[in-house]
C-alpha atoms as a PDB file:
ATOM      1  CA  MET A   1     -78.806   3.814 -48.133  1.00  0.00           C
ATOM      2  CA  LYS A   2     -77.629   8.117 -48.511  1.00  0.00           C
ATOM      3  CA  ILE A   3     -74.295   8.900 -50.014  1.00  0.00           C
ATOM      4  CA  ILE A   4     -73.465  12.629 -49.450  1.00  0.00           C
ATOM      5  CA  VAL A   5     -70.421  14.076 -51.452  1.00  0.00           C
ATOM      6  CA  THR A   6     -69.020  16.990 -49.279  1.00  0.00           C
ATOM      7  CA  ASP A   7     -66.829  18.763 -52.062  1.00  0.00           C
ATOM      8  CA  GLY A   8     -67.898  16.994 -55.022  1.00  0.00           C
ATOM      9  CA  TYR A   9     -66.560  19.879 -57.610  1.00  0.00           C
ATOM     10  CA  THR A  10     -62.970  19.850 -58.096  1.00  0.00           C
ATOM     11  CA  LEU A  11     -63.457  15.853 -58.581  1.00  0.00           C
ATOM     12  CA  ASN A  12     -66.136  16.370 -61.000  1.00  0.00           C
ATOM     13  CA  PRO A  13     -66.997  19.938 -62.584  1.00  0.00           C
ATOM     14  CA  GLY A  14     -69.078  18.518 -65.122  1.00  0.00           C
ATOM     15  CA  ASP A  15     -66.970  16.415 -67.471  1.00  0.00           C
ATOM     16  CA  LEU A  16     -67.324  12.672 -65.535  1.00  0.00           C
ATOM     17  CA  SER A  17     -70.863  10.787 -64.617  1.00  0.00           C
ATOM     18  CA  TRP A  18     -71.425  10.079 -60.304  1.00  0.00           C
ATOM     19  CA  SER A  19     -73.772   7.014 -62.135  1.00  0.00           C
ATOM     20  CA  SER A  20     -71.221   4.593 -60.622  1.00  0.00           C
ATOM     21  CA  ILE A  21     -71.388   6.016 -57.307  1.00  0.00           C
ATOM     22  CA  GLU A  22     -75.614   6.484 -57.799  1.00  0.00           C
ATOM     23  CA  GLN A  23     -76.141   2.420 -58.304  1.00  0.00           C
ATOM     24  CA  PHE A  24     -75.707   2.192 -54.339  1.00  0.00           C
ATOM     25  CA  GLY A  25     -78.381   4.594 -53.120  1.00  0.00           C
ATOM     26  CA  GLU A  26     -79.892   7.761 -52.993  1.00  0.00           C
ATOM     27  CA  LEU A  27     -76.923  10.367 -53.622  1.00  0.00           C
ATOM     28  CA  THR A  28     -76.679  14.042 -53.027  1.00  0.00           C
ATOM     29  CA  VAL A  29     -73.260  16.002 -54.666  1.00  0.00           C
ATOM     30  CA  TYR A  30     -72.457  19.412 -52.770  1.00  0.00           C
ATOM     31  CA  ASP A  31     -69.950  21.460 -54.673  1.00  0.00           C
ATOM     32  CA  ARG A  32     -68.406  22.475 -51.370  1.00  0.00           C
ATOM     33  CA  SER A  33     -69.064  22.640 -47.812  1.00  0.00           C
ATOM     34  CA  SER A  34     -67.392  24.248 -44.781  1.00  0.00           C
ATOM     35  CA  GLU A  35     -66.658  22.525 -41.736  1.00  0.00           C
ATOM     36  CA  ASN A  36     -69.763  24.394 -39.936  1.00  0.00           C
ATOM     37  CA  GLU A  37     -72.002  22.938 -42.479  1.00  0.00           C
ATOM     38  CA  LEU A  38     -71.162  19.344 -42.191  1.00  0.00           C
ATOM     39  CA  VAL A  39     -73.695  17.716 -39.093  1.00  0.00           C
ATOM     40  CA  GLU A  40     -76.935  19.442 -40.959  1.00  0.00           C
ATOM     41  CA  LYS A  41     -75.421  18.366 -44.318  1.00  0.00           C
ATOM     42  CA  CYS A  42     -74.386  15.062 -43.631  1.00  0.00           C
ATOM     43  CA  SER A  43     -76.647  14.077 -40.300  1.00  0.00           C
ATOM     44  CA  SER A  44     -78.623  11.653 -42.543  1.00  0.00           C
ATOM     45  CA  ALA A  45     -75.807  10.196 -44.565  1.00  0.00           C
ATOM     46  CA  ASP A  46     -74.871   6.486 -44.428  1.00  0.00           C
ATOM     47  CA  ILE A  47     -71.497   7.159 -46.304  1.00  0.00           C
ATOM     48  CA  ILE A  48     -69.565  10.286 -46.930  1.00  0.00           C
ATOM     49  CA  LEU A  49     -67.175  10.556 -49.725  1.00  0.00           C
ATOM     50  CA  SER A  50     -64.906  13.731 -49.105  1.00  0.00           C
ATOM     51  CA  ASN A  51     -62.172  15.508 -50.337  1.00  0.00           C
ATOM     52  CA  LYS A  52     -60.582  18.232 -48.709  1.00  0.00           C
ATOM     53  CA  THR A  53     -63.357  19.001 -46.208  1.00  0.00           C
ATOM     54  CA  VAL A  54     -61.898  18.521 -42.719  1.00  0.00           C
ATOM     55  CA  PHE A  55     -63.363  16.430 -40.158  1.00  0.00           C
ATOM     56  CA  SER A  56     -62.587  17.018 -36.592  1.00  0.00           C
ATOM     57  CA  LYS A  57     -63.778  14.925 -33.868  1.00  0.00           C
ATOM     58  CA  ALA A  58     -66.628  16.939 -32.686  1.00  0.00           C
ATOM     59  CA  THR A  59     -68.022  17.211 -36.399  1.00  0.00           C
ATOM     60  CA  ILE A  60     -67.286  13.168 -36.396  1.00  0.00           C
ATOM     61  CA  ASN A  61     -68.661  12.829 -33.118  1.00  0.00           C
ATOM     62  CA  GLN A  62     -71.974  14.193 -33.935  1.00  0.00           C
ATOM     63  CA  LEU A  63     -72.337  12.116 -37.219  1.00  0.00           C
ATOM     64  CA  GLN A  64     -75.286   9.201 -35.951  1.00  0.00           C
ATOM     65  CA  LYS A  65     -75.370   7.343 -39.045  1.00  0.00           C
ATOM     66  CA  VAL A  66     -72.292   7.136 -40.782  1.00  0.00           C
ATOM     67  CA  LYS A  67     -70.571   4.122 -41.242  1.00  0.00           C
ATOM     68  CA  LEU A  68     -68.170   5.005 -44.443  1.00  0.00           C
ATOM     69  CA  ILE A  69     -66.237   7.851 -45.290  1.00  0.00           C
ATOM     70  CA  SER A  70     -64.123   7.064 -48.267  1.00  0.00           C
ATOM     71  CA  VAL A  71     -61.825  10.330 -48.951  1.00  0.00           C
ATOM     72  CA  LEU A  72     -61.794  11.028 -52.628  1.00  0.00           C
ATOM     73  CA  ALA A  73     -57.878  11.255 -51.686  1.00  0.00           C
ATOM     74  CA  ALA A  74     -54.893   9.652 -51.548  1.00  0.00           C
ATOM     75  CA  GLY A  75     -54.122  11.903 -48.505  1.00  0.00           C
ATOM     76  CA  TYR A  76     -56.604  11.646 -45.622  1.00  0.00           C
ATOM     77  CA  ASN A  77     -55.046  14.088 -43.200  1.00  0.00           C
ATOM     78  CA  VAL A  78     -58.394  15.974 -42.809  1.00  0.00           C
ATOM     79  CA  ILE A  79     -60.104  13.540 -41.595  1.00  0.00           C
ATOM     80  CA  ASP A  80     -59.788  12.764 -37.462  1.00  0.00           C
ATOM     81  CA  ILE A  81     -58.981   9.164 -37.841  1.00  0.00           C
ATOM     82  CA  LYS A  82     -58.872   8.102 -34.672  1.00  0.00           C
ATOM     83  CA  ALA A  83     -62.298   9.939 -33.467  1.00  0.00           C
ATOM     84  CA  ALA A  84     -63.401   8.389 -36.741  1.00  0.00           C
ATOM     85  CA  ARG A  85     -62.312   5.014 -35.259  1.00  0.00           C
ATOM     86  CA  GLU A  86     -63.926   5.564 -31.686  1.00  0.00           C
ATOM     87  CA  LYS A  87     -67.367   6.383 -32.931  1.00  0.00           C
ATOM     88  CA  GLY A  88     -67.165   2.808 -35.547  1.00  0.00           C
ATOM     89  CA  ILE A  89     -66.544   4.927 -38.732  1.00  0.00           C
ATOM     90  CA  THR A  90     -64.551   3.202 -41.471  1.00  0.00           C
ATOM     91  CA  VAL A  91     -61.978   5.584 -43.418  1.00  0.00           C
ATOM     92  CA  CYS A  92     -61.006   4.867 -46.558  1.00  0.00           C
ATOM     93  CA  ASN A  93     -58.489   7.014 -49.301  1.00  0.00           C
ATOM     94  CA  THR A  94     -57.581   6.276 -52.522  1.00  0.00           C
ATOM     95  CA  PRO A  95     -54.385   5.254 -53.033  1.00  0.00           C
ATOM     96  CA  GLY A  96     -52.629   5.182 -56.672  1.00  0.00           C
ATOM     97  CA  TYR A  97     -54.825   7.326 -58.846  1.00  0.00           C
ATOM     98  CA  GLY A  98     -52.425  10.114 -59.470  1.00  0.00           C
ATOM     99  CA  THR A  99     -49.533   8.379 -60.418  1.00  0.00           C
ATOM    100  CA  PRO A 100     -48.875   9.137 -63.941  1.00  0.00           C
ATOM    101  CA  THR A 101     -50.954  12.419 -63.723  1.00  0.00           C
ATOM    102  CA  VAL A 102     -48.706  14.207 -60.463  1.00  0.00           C
ATOM    103  CA  ALA A 103     -44.750  13.026 -62.165  1.00  0.00           C
ATOM    104  CA  GLN A 104     -46.290  14.196 -65.420  1.00  0.00           C
ATOM    105  CA  HIS A 105     -46.719  17.943 -63.398  1.00  0.00           C
ATOM    106  CA  THR A 106     -43.343  17.527 -61.494  1.00  0.00           C
ATOM    107  CA  ILE A 107     -41.419  17.113 -64.847  1.00  0.00           C
ATOM    108  CA  ALA A 108     -43.581  19.472 -66.520  1.00  0.00           C
ATOM    109  CA  LEU A 109     -42.366  22.381 -63.932  1.00  0.00           C
ATOM    110  CA  LEU A 110     -38.826  21.083 -63.767  1.00  0.00           C
ATOM    111  CA  LEU A 111     -39.033  21.983 -67.507  1.00  0.00           C
ATOM    112  CA  GLU A 112     -40.843  25.145 -67.101  1.00  0.00           C
ATOM    113  CA  LEU A 113     -37.353  26.115 -64.606  1.00  0.00           C
ATOM    114  CA  THR A 114     -35.016  24.727 -66.946  1.00  0.00           C
ATOM    115  CA  ASN A 115     -36.668  26.096 -70.133  1.00  0.00           C
ATOM    116  CA  HIS A 116     -39.168  28.570 -69.339  1.00  0.00           C
ATOM    117  CA  VAL A 117     -41.735  27.673 -72.227  1.00  0.00           C
ATOM    118  CA  GLY A 118     -44.248  30.220 -70.935  1.00  0.00           C
ATOM    119  CA  LEU A 119     -41.580  33.126 -70.267  1.00  0.00           C
ATOM    120  CA  HIS A 120     -40.603  33.192 -73.910  1.00  0.00           C
ATOM    121  CA  ALA A 121     -43.911  32.430 -75.401  1.00  0.00           C
ATOM    122  CA  ALA A 122     -45.277  35.488 -73.727  1.00  0.00           C
ATOM    123  CA  SER A 123     -42.225  37.133 -74.862  1.00  0.00           C
ATOM    124  CA  VAL A 124     -43.333  36.204 -78.498  1.00  0.00           C
ATOM    125  CA  ALA A 125     -47.116  36.738 -77.756  1.00  0.00           C
ATOM    126  CA  ASN A 126     -45.814  40.691 -76.540  1.00  0.00           C
ATOM    127  CA  ALA A 127     -44.349  40.842 -80.192  1.00  0.00           C
ATOM    128  CA  GLU A 128     -40.846  40.577 -78.832  1.00  0.00           C
ATOM    129  CA  TRP A 129     -39.645  37.972 -81.590  1.00  0.00           C
ATOM    130  CA  VAL A 130     -41.054  39.990 -84.252  1.00  0.00           C
ATOM    131  CA  THR A 131     -39.143  43.221 -83.014  1.00  0.00           C
ATOM    132  CA  SER A 132     -36.163  41.363 -82.524  1.00  0.00           C
ATOM    133  CA  LYS A 133     -32.451  42.462 -83.925  1.00  0.00           C
ATOM    134  CA  ASP A 134     -31.673  38.591 -84.098  1.00  0.00           C
ATOM    135  CA  TRP A 135     -33.411  35.386 -85.632  1.00  0.00           C
ATOM    136  CA  CYS A 136     -33.498  33.506 -81.942  1.00  0.00           C
ATOM    137  CA  TYR A 137     -33.166  35.124 -78.548  1.00  0.00           C
ATOM    138  CA  SER A 138     -33.620  33.880 -74.922  1.00  0.00           C
ATOM    139  CA  LYS A 139     -34.843  35.846 -72.018  1.00  0.00           C
ATOM    140  CA  THR A 140     -32.582  33.690 -69.355  1.00  0.00           C
ATOM    141  CA  THR A 141     -30.411  30.900 -69.192  1.00  0.00           C
ATOM    142  CA  ILE A 142     -32.128  27.691 -70.830  1.00  0.00           C
ATOM    143  CA  ILE A 143     -30.258  24.586 -68.141  1.00  0.00           C
ATOM    144  CA  GLU A 144     -29.751  21.559 -69.734  1.00  0.00           C
ATOM    145  CA  LEU A 145     -30.986  18.191 -67.126  1.00  0.00           C
ATOM    146  CA  ALA A 146     -28.346  16.161 -69.175  1.00  0.00           C
ATOM    147  CA  GLY A 147     -26.103  14.810 -66.282  1.00  0.00           C
ATOM    148  CA  LYS A 148     -27.360  16.764 -63.700  1.00  0.00           C
ATOM    149  CA  THR A 149     -28.639  15.545 -60.395  1.00  0.00           C
ATOM    150  CA  LEU A 150     -32.601  14.935 -59.405  1.00  0.00           C
ATOM    151  CA  GLY A 151     -33.050  14.376 -55.842  1.00  0.00           C
ATOM    152  CA  VAL A 152     -36.130  12.413 -54.631  1.00  0.00           C
ATOM    153  CA  VAL A 153     -37.407  12.661 -51.033  1.00  0.00           C
ATOM    154  CA  GLY A 154     -39.943   9.766 -50.858  1.00  0.00           C
ATOM    155  CA  LEU A 155     -39.252   6.887 -53.739  1.00  0.00           C
ATOM    156  CA  GLY A 156     -43.241   6.163 -52.882  1.00  0.00           C
ATOM    157  CA  ASN A 157     -45.211   5.322 -56.818  1.00  0.00           C
ATOM    158  CA  ILE A 158     -44.536   8.611 -57.865  1.00  0.00           C
ATOM    159  CA  GLY A 159     -41.665   9.442 -56.915  1.00  0.00           C
ATOM    160  CA  ILE A 160     -40.248   6.190 -58.417  1.00  0.00           C
ATOM    161  CA  GLN A 161     -42.397   7.651 -61.690  1.00  0.00           C
ATOM    162  CA  VAL A 162     -40.501  10.984 -61.643  1.00  0.00           C
ATOM    163  CA  ALA A 163     -37.373   8.703 -61.512  1.00  0.00           C
ATOM    164  CA  ILE A 164     -38.070   7.102 -64.274  1.00  0.00           C
ATOM    165  CA  ILE A 165     -39.147  10.076 -66.423  1.00  0.00           C
ATOM    166  CA  ALA A 166     -36.075  11.771 -65.053  1.00  0.00           C
ATOM    167  CA  ARG A 167     -33.422   8.868 -66.068  1.00  0.00           C
ATOM    168  CA  ALA A 168     -34.884   8.897 -69.585  1.00  0.00           C
ATOM    169  CA  VAL A 169     -33.056  12.813 -70.044  1.00  0.00           C
ATOM    170  CA  ASP A 170     -30.402  11.088 -68.338  1.00  0.00           C
ATOM    171  CA  MET A 171     -30.141  12.298 -65.031  1.00  0.00           C
ATOM    172  CA  ARG A 172     -28.468  11.265 -62.136  1.00  0.00           C
ATOM    173  CA  ILE A 173     -30.813  10.489 -59.583  1.00  0.00           C
ATOM    174  CA  ILE A 174     -30.632  10.010 -55.927  1.00  0.00           C
ATOM    175  CA  TYR A 175     -33.289   9.659 -52.995  1.00  0.00           C
ATOM    176  CA  TYR A 176     -34.140   9.697 -49.352  1.00  0.00           C
ATOM    177  CA  SER A 177     -36.765   7.798 -48.156  1.00  0.00           C
ATOM    178  CA  ARG A 178     -37.857   6.356 -44.884  1.00  0.00           C
ATOM    179  CA  HIS A 179     -37.340   3.033 -45.697  1.00  0.00           C
ATOM    180  CA  LYS A 180     -34.194   2.112 -48.283  1.00  0.00           C
ATOM    181  CA  LYS A 181     -34.973   0.346 -50.943  1.00  0.00           C
ATOM    182  CA  GLU A 182     -32.940  -2.004 -53.590  1.00  0.00           C
ATOM    183  CA  THR A 183     -33.750  -0.100 -57.107  1.00  0.00           C
ATOM    184  CA  PRO A 184     -31.191   0.510 -60.016  1.00  0.00           C
ATOM    185  CA  LEU A 185     -33.173   3.776 -60.504  1.00  0.00           C
ATOM    186  CA  ALA A 186     -31.991   5.937 -57.544  1.00  0.00           C
ATOM    187  CA  THR A 187     -28.800   5.527 -55.080  1.00  0.00           C
ATOM    188  CA  TYR A 188     -30.418   6.242 -51.361  1.00  0.00           C
ATOM    189  CA  VAL A 189     -28.438   9.194 -49.422  1.00  0.00           C
ATOM    190  CA  ASP A 190     -29.275  10.825 -45.966  1.00  0.00           C
ATOM    191  CA  MET A 191     -31.221  13.626 -46.684  1.00  0.00           C
ATOM    192  CA  GLN A 192     -28.454  16.264 -45.639  1.00  0.00           C
ATOM    193  CA  THR A 193     -26.829  14.435 -48.718  1.00  0.00           C
ATOM    194  CA  LEU A 194     -29.441  15.011 -51.037  1.00  0.00           C
ATOM    195  CA  PHE A 195     -30.001  18.470 -50.024  1.00  0.00           C
ATOM    196  CA  SER A 196     -26.228  19.379 -50.860  1.00  0.00           C
ATOM    197  CA  GLU A 197     -25.472  17.333 -53.886  1.00  0.00           C
ATOM    198  CA  SER A 198     -28.464  17.859 -55.516  1.00  0.00           C
ATOM    199  CA  ASP A 199     -29.600  20.238 -58.638  1.00  0.00           C
ATOM    200  CA  PHE A 200     -32.835  19.727 -58.511  1.00  0.00           C
ATOM    201  CA  ILE A 201     -34.776  18.256 -55.598  1.00  0.00           C
ATOM    202  CA  SER A 202     -38.687  16.958 -55.683  1.00  0.00           C
ATOM    203  CA  LEU A 203     -40.572  16.397 -52.840  1.00  0.00           C
ATOM    204  CA  HIS A 204     -43.023  13.287 -52.784  1.00  0.00           C
ATOM    205  CA  CYS A 205     -43.312  12.183 -49.496  1.00  0.00           C
ATOM    206  CA  PRO A 206     -46.618  11.628 -47.815  1.00  0.00           C
ATOM    207  CA  LEU A 207     -47.246  14.628 -44.708  1.00  0.00           C
ATOM    208  CA  LYS A 208     -46.821  13.423 -41.340  1.00  0.00           C
ATOM    209  CA  PRO A 209     -46.208  14.995 -37.907  1.00  0.00           C
ATOM    210  CA  ASP A 210     -42.368  14.605 -37.670  1.00  0.00           C
ATOM    211  CA  ASN A 211     -41.944  16.089 -40.986  1.00  0.00           C
ATOM    212  CA  HIS A 212     -43.907  19.209 -40.418  1.00  0.00           C
ATOM    213  CA  GLN A 213     -42.024  21.986 -42.017  1.00  0.00           C
ATOM    214  CA  PHE A 214     -38.357  20.029 -42.532  1.00  0.00           C
ATOM    215  CA  VAL A 215     -37.705  21.834 -45.602  1.00  0.00           C
ATOM    216  CA  ASN A 216     -36.094  24.694 -43.489  1.00  0.00           C
ATOM    217  CA  LYS A 217     -33.480  27.317 -43.200  1.00  0.00           C
ATOM    218  CA  GLU A 218     -30.951  24.552 -42.400  1.00  0.00           C
ATOM    219  CA  LEU A 219     -31.460  22.247 -45.425  1.00  0.00           C
ATOM    220  CA  LEU A 220     -32.019  25.314 -47.553  1.00  0.00           C
ATOM    221  CA  GLN A 221     -28.644  26.567 -46.503  1.00  0.00           C
ATOM    222  CA  LEU A 222     -27.389  23.446 -47.462  1.00  0.00           C
ATOM    223  CA  MET A 223     -28.300  23.535 -51.267  1.00  0.00           C
ATOM    224  CA  LYS A 224     -26.451  25.073 -54.157  1.00  0.00           C
ATOM    225  CA  PRO A 225     -27.148  28.423 -55.384  1.00  0.00           C
ATOM    226  CA  THR A 226     -27.720  27.382 -58.612  1.00  0.00           C
ATOM    227  CA  ALA A 227     -30.310  24.146 -57.180  1.00  0.00           C
ATOM    228  CA  TYR A 228     -33.837  24.615 -57.266  1.00  0.00           C
ATOM    229  CA  LEU A 229     -36.717  23.188 -55.194  1.00  0.00           C
ATOM    230  CA  ILE A 230     -40.055  21.411 -56.745  1.00  0.00           C
ATOM    231  CA  ASN A 231     -42.854  20.157 -54.623  1.00  0.00           C
ATOM    232  CA  THR A 232     -45.963  18.585 -55.604  1.00  0.00           C
ATOM    233  CA  ALA A 233     -46.479  16.517 -52.568  1.00  0.00           C
ATOM    234  CA  ARG A 234     -48.122  18.931 -49.164  1.00  0.00           C
ATOM    235  CA  GLY A 235     -47.239  22.371 -48.921  1.00  0.00           C
ATOM    236  CA  GLN A 236     -46.944  22.055 -45.649  1.00  0.00           C
ATOM    237  CA  LEU A 237     -43.747  20.307 -45.746  1.00  0.00           C
ATOM    238  CA  ILE A 238     -41.773  23.674 -46.084  1.00  0.00           C
ATOM    239  CA  ASN A 239     -41.528  26.681 -43.873  1.00  0.00           C
ATOM    240  CA  GLU A 240     -42.985  28.781 -46.238  1.00  0.00           C
ATOM    241  CA  GLN A 241     -41.126  32.329 -44.970  1.00  0.00           C
ATOM    242  CA  ASP A 242     -37.514  30.478 -44.678  1.00  0.00           C
ATOM    243  CA  LEU A 243     -38.179  29.161 -48.704  1.00  0.00           C
ATOM    244  CA  ALA A 244     -38.898  32.641 -49.671  1.00  0.00           C
ATOM    245  CA  ASP A 245     -35.900  34.188 -47.726  1.00  0.00           C
ATOM    246  CA  ALA A 246     -33.782  31.970 -49.996  1.00  0.00           C
ATOM    247  CA  LEU A 247     -34.920  32.739 -52.799  1.00  0.00           C
ATOM    248  CA  ASN A 248     -35.336  36.513 -52.435  1.00  0.00           C
ATOM    249  CA  ASN A 249     -31.684  36.217 -50.729  1.00  0.00           C
ATOM    250  CA  ASN A 250     -30.449  34.151 -54.249  1.00  0.00           C
ATOM    251  CA  GLN A 251     -29.461  31.413 -51.696  1.00  0.00           C
ATOM    252  CA  ILE A 252     -31.297  29.133 -54.260  1.00  0.00           C
ATOM    253  CA  ALA A 253     -31.942  29.563 -57.923  1.00  0.00           C
ATOM    254  CA  GLY A 254     -35.924  28.944 -57.878  1.00  0.00           C
ATOM    255  CA  ALA A 255     -38.814  26.593 -57.060  1.00  0.00           C
ATOM    256  CA  ALA A 256     -41.858  25.396 -58.341  1.00  0.00           C
ATOM    257  CA  LEU A 257     -44.492  24.438 -56.283  1.00  0.00           C
ATOM    258  CA  ASP A 258     -48.200  22.534 -56.652  1.00  0.00           C
ATOM    259  CA  VAL A 259     -48.689  23.212 -53.503  1.00  0.00           C
ATOM    260  CA  LEU A 260     -49.095  25.742 -50.243  1.00  0.00           C
ATOM    261  CA  SER A 261     -49.632  25.105 -46.601  1.00  0.00           C
ATOM    262  CA  LYS A 262     -52.509  27.015 -47.192  1.00  0.00           C
ATOM    263  CA  GLU A 263     -55.016  26.495 -49.895  1.00  0.00           C
ATOM    264  CA  PRO A 264     -56.053  28.743 -51.375  1.00  0.00           C
ATOM    265  CA  PRO A 265     -53.614  30.800 -49.909  1.00  0.00           C
ATOM    266  CA  ASP A 266     -53.950  34.319 -48.372  1.00  0.00           C
ATOM    267  CA  LYS A 267     -52.499  37.080 -50.197  1.00  0.00           C
ATOM    268  CA  SER A 268     -49.783  37.410 -47.129  1.00  0.00           C
ATOM    269  CA  ASN A 269     -48.042  34.212 -48.640  1.00  0.00           C
ATOM    270  CA  PRO A 270     -44.635  35.138 -49.048  1.00  0.00           C
ATOM    271  CA  LEU A 271     -44.451  32.659 -51.942  1.00  0.00           C
ATOM    272  CA  LEU A 272     -46.639  34.662 -53.848  1.00  0.00           C
ATOM    273  CA  SER A 273     -44.401  37.378 -54.547  1.00  0.00           C
ATOM    274  CA  ALA A 274     -41.113  36.029 -53.914  1.00  0.00           C
ATOM    275  CA  LYS A 275     -38.172  35.749 -56.601  1.00  0.00           C
ATOM    276  CA  ASN A 276     -38.031  32.988 -59.429  1.00  0.00           C
ATOM    277  CA  CYS A 277     -41.004  30.884 -57.946  1.00  0.00           C
ATOM    278  CA  ILE A 278     -43.814  29.093 -59.956  1.00  0.00           C
ATOM    279  CA  ILE A 279     -46.754  28.272 -58.219  1.00  0.00           C
ATOM    280  CA  THR A 280     -49.327  26.524 -59.997  1.00  0.00           C
ATOM    281  CA  PRO A 281     -53.306  25.868 -58.248  1.00  0.00           C
ATOM    282  CA  HIS A 282     -52.356  22.316 -56.754  1.00  0.00           C
ATOM    283  CA  ASN A 283     -53.884  20.951 -59.975  1.00  0.00           C
ATOM    284  CA  ALA A 284     -51.125  18.035 -60.160  1.00  0.00           C
ATOM    285  CA  TRP A 285     -53.570  15.812 -60.063  1.00  0.00           C
ATOM    286  CA  MET A 286     -56.329  17.039 -61.674  1.00  0.00           C
ATOM    287  CA  SER A 287     -56.166  15.283 -65.012  1.00  0.00           C
ATOM    288  CA  LYS A 288     -59.449  13.529 -66.241  1.00  0.00           C
ATOM    289  CA  GLU A 289     -58.006  10.173 -66.368  1.00  0.00           C
ATOM    290  CA  ALA A 290     -56.674  10.319 -62.829  1.00  0.00           C
ATOM    291  CA  ARG A 291     -60.448  11.908 -61.780  1.00  0.00           C
ATOM    292  CA  GLN A 292     -61.729   8.857 -63.266  1.00  0.00           C
ATOM    293  CA  ARG A 293     -59.514   6.751 -61.349  1.00  0.00           C
ATOM    294  CA  ILE A 294     -60.822   8.200 -58.093  1.00  0.00           C
ATOM    295  CA  LEU A 295     -64.419   7.229 -59.055  1.00  0.00           C
ATOM    296  CA  GLU A 296     -63.559   3.550 -60.344  1.00  0.00           C
ATOM    297  CA  ILE A 297     -61.601   3.042 -56.786  1.00  0.00           C
ATOM    298  CA  THR A 298     -63.953   4.663 -55.056  1.00  0.00           C
ATOM    299  CA  ARG A 299     -66.741   2.629 -56.439  1.00  0.00           C
ATOM    300  CA  LYS A 300     -65.049  -0.150 -55.194  1.00  0.00           C
ATOM    301  CA  ASN A 301     -64.037   1.392 -51.831  1.00  0.00           C
ATOM    302  CA  ILE A 302     -68.168   1.100 -51.424  1.00  0.00           C
ATOM    303  CA  GLU A 303     -68.587  -1.993 -52.873  1.00  0.00           C
ATOM    304  CA  ALA A 304     -66.015  -3.858 -50.626  1.00  0.00           C
ATOM    305  CA  PHE A 305     -67.224  -2.116 -47.743  1.00  0.00           C
ATOM    306  CA  LEU A 306     -71.072  -3.458 -48.478  1.00  0.00           C
ATOM    307  CA  GLN A 307     -69.712  -6.904 -48.886  1.00  0.00           C
ATOM    308  CA  HIS A 308     -68.371  -6.431 -45.095  1.00  0.00           C
ATOM    309  CA  LYS A 309     -64.469  -6.439 -46.991  1.00  0.00           C
ATOM    310  CA  PRO A 310     -63.386  -3.272 -46.631  1.00  0.00           C
ATOM    311  CA  VAL A 311     -60.033  -1.880 -49.198  1.00  0.00           C
ATOM    312  CA  ASN A 312     -57.701   1.068 -48.716  1.00  0.00           C
ATOM    313  CA  VAL A 313     -58.417   1.099 -44.494  1.00  0.00           C
ATOM    314  CA  VAL A 314     -56.750   4.098 -43.248  1.00  0.00           C
ATOM    315  CA  ASN A 315     -58.345   3.562 -39.584  1.00  0.00           C
END
């Protein structure tokens, strides 16, 4: 049994152990793999573990031995699952591993937008406090969250956890989701109402063909000029030029993003230079605890597959 990890570095840069996977067979871990290297690297694999490496139909059709691709993430849009199904390859993902970690990062971005901790810490480091005429100062307006409205797009596990934390600081929660849910946490509204009423909007929906760049000029125009947009889901949910224009024209107050449409981004990405835009490098998922859960779910995926009872199957 040969197991190939195509891009293991982001999951395990050295602080975790692959031993739970090694028990199933001969394990080879590549830190990174380009798409044109996959056929050569994976030609002898029975099982492939991959995070963000793209497996196109052309690549999948050249894999002669592979029976299982287990994605080291919840999202699996990088895999042509139809081609895998036609080839008889089972594709699994790792759902639920990042709920507390991604929710925590979302709230961290929310607080950075309102409290500007990084800005003020940098100010003190630059000796602005020791030279201040006053005993305290603020570089920009600090916003209290109590009483503000948070609009959550996608009320899955992460969206619910974000709502729970936001309620703890006395925010009002409204949400839009494909499927209406009865919950005391939040009030269901349509998308247009959510964008027009929210003081903060947080995206927690999966990327689907019909919501690609759904956050566009038309929806952004509905937002209050004092409102903020947060995205820890997928970068392709946002039309990035439209968002950059809204920020640069002071149409909305700011944005905080952990994801972009292309990662790593091109220097030309308009959001990299947009006003009032905080960007973190897609690391909302990367707590050690979350990464350990990925390994544990992956172990269970392989074990169940070998017992002919596959779990977390997405194709």
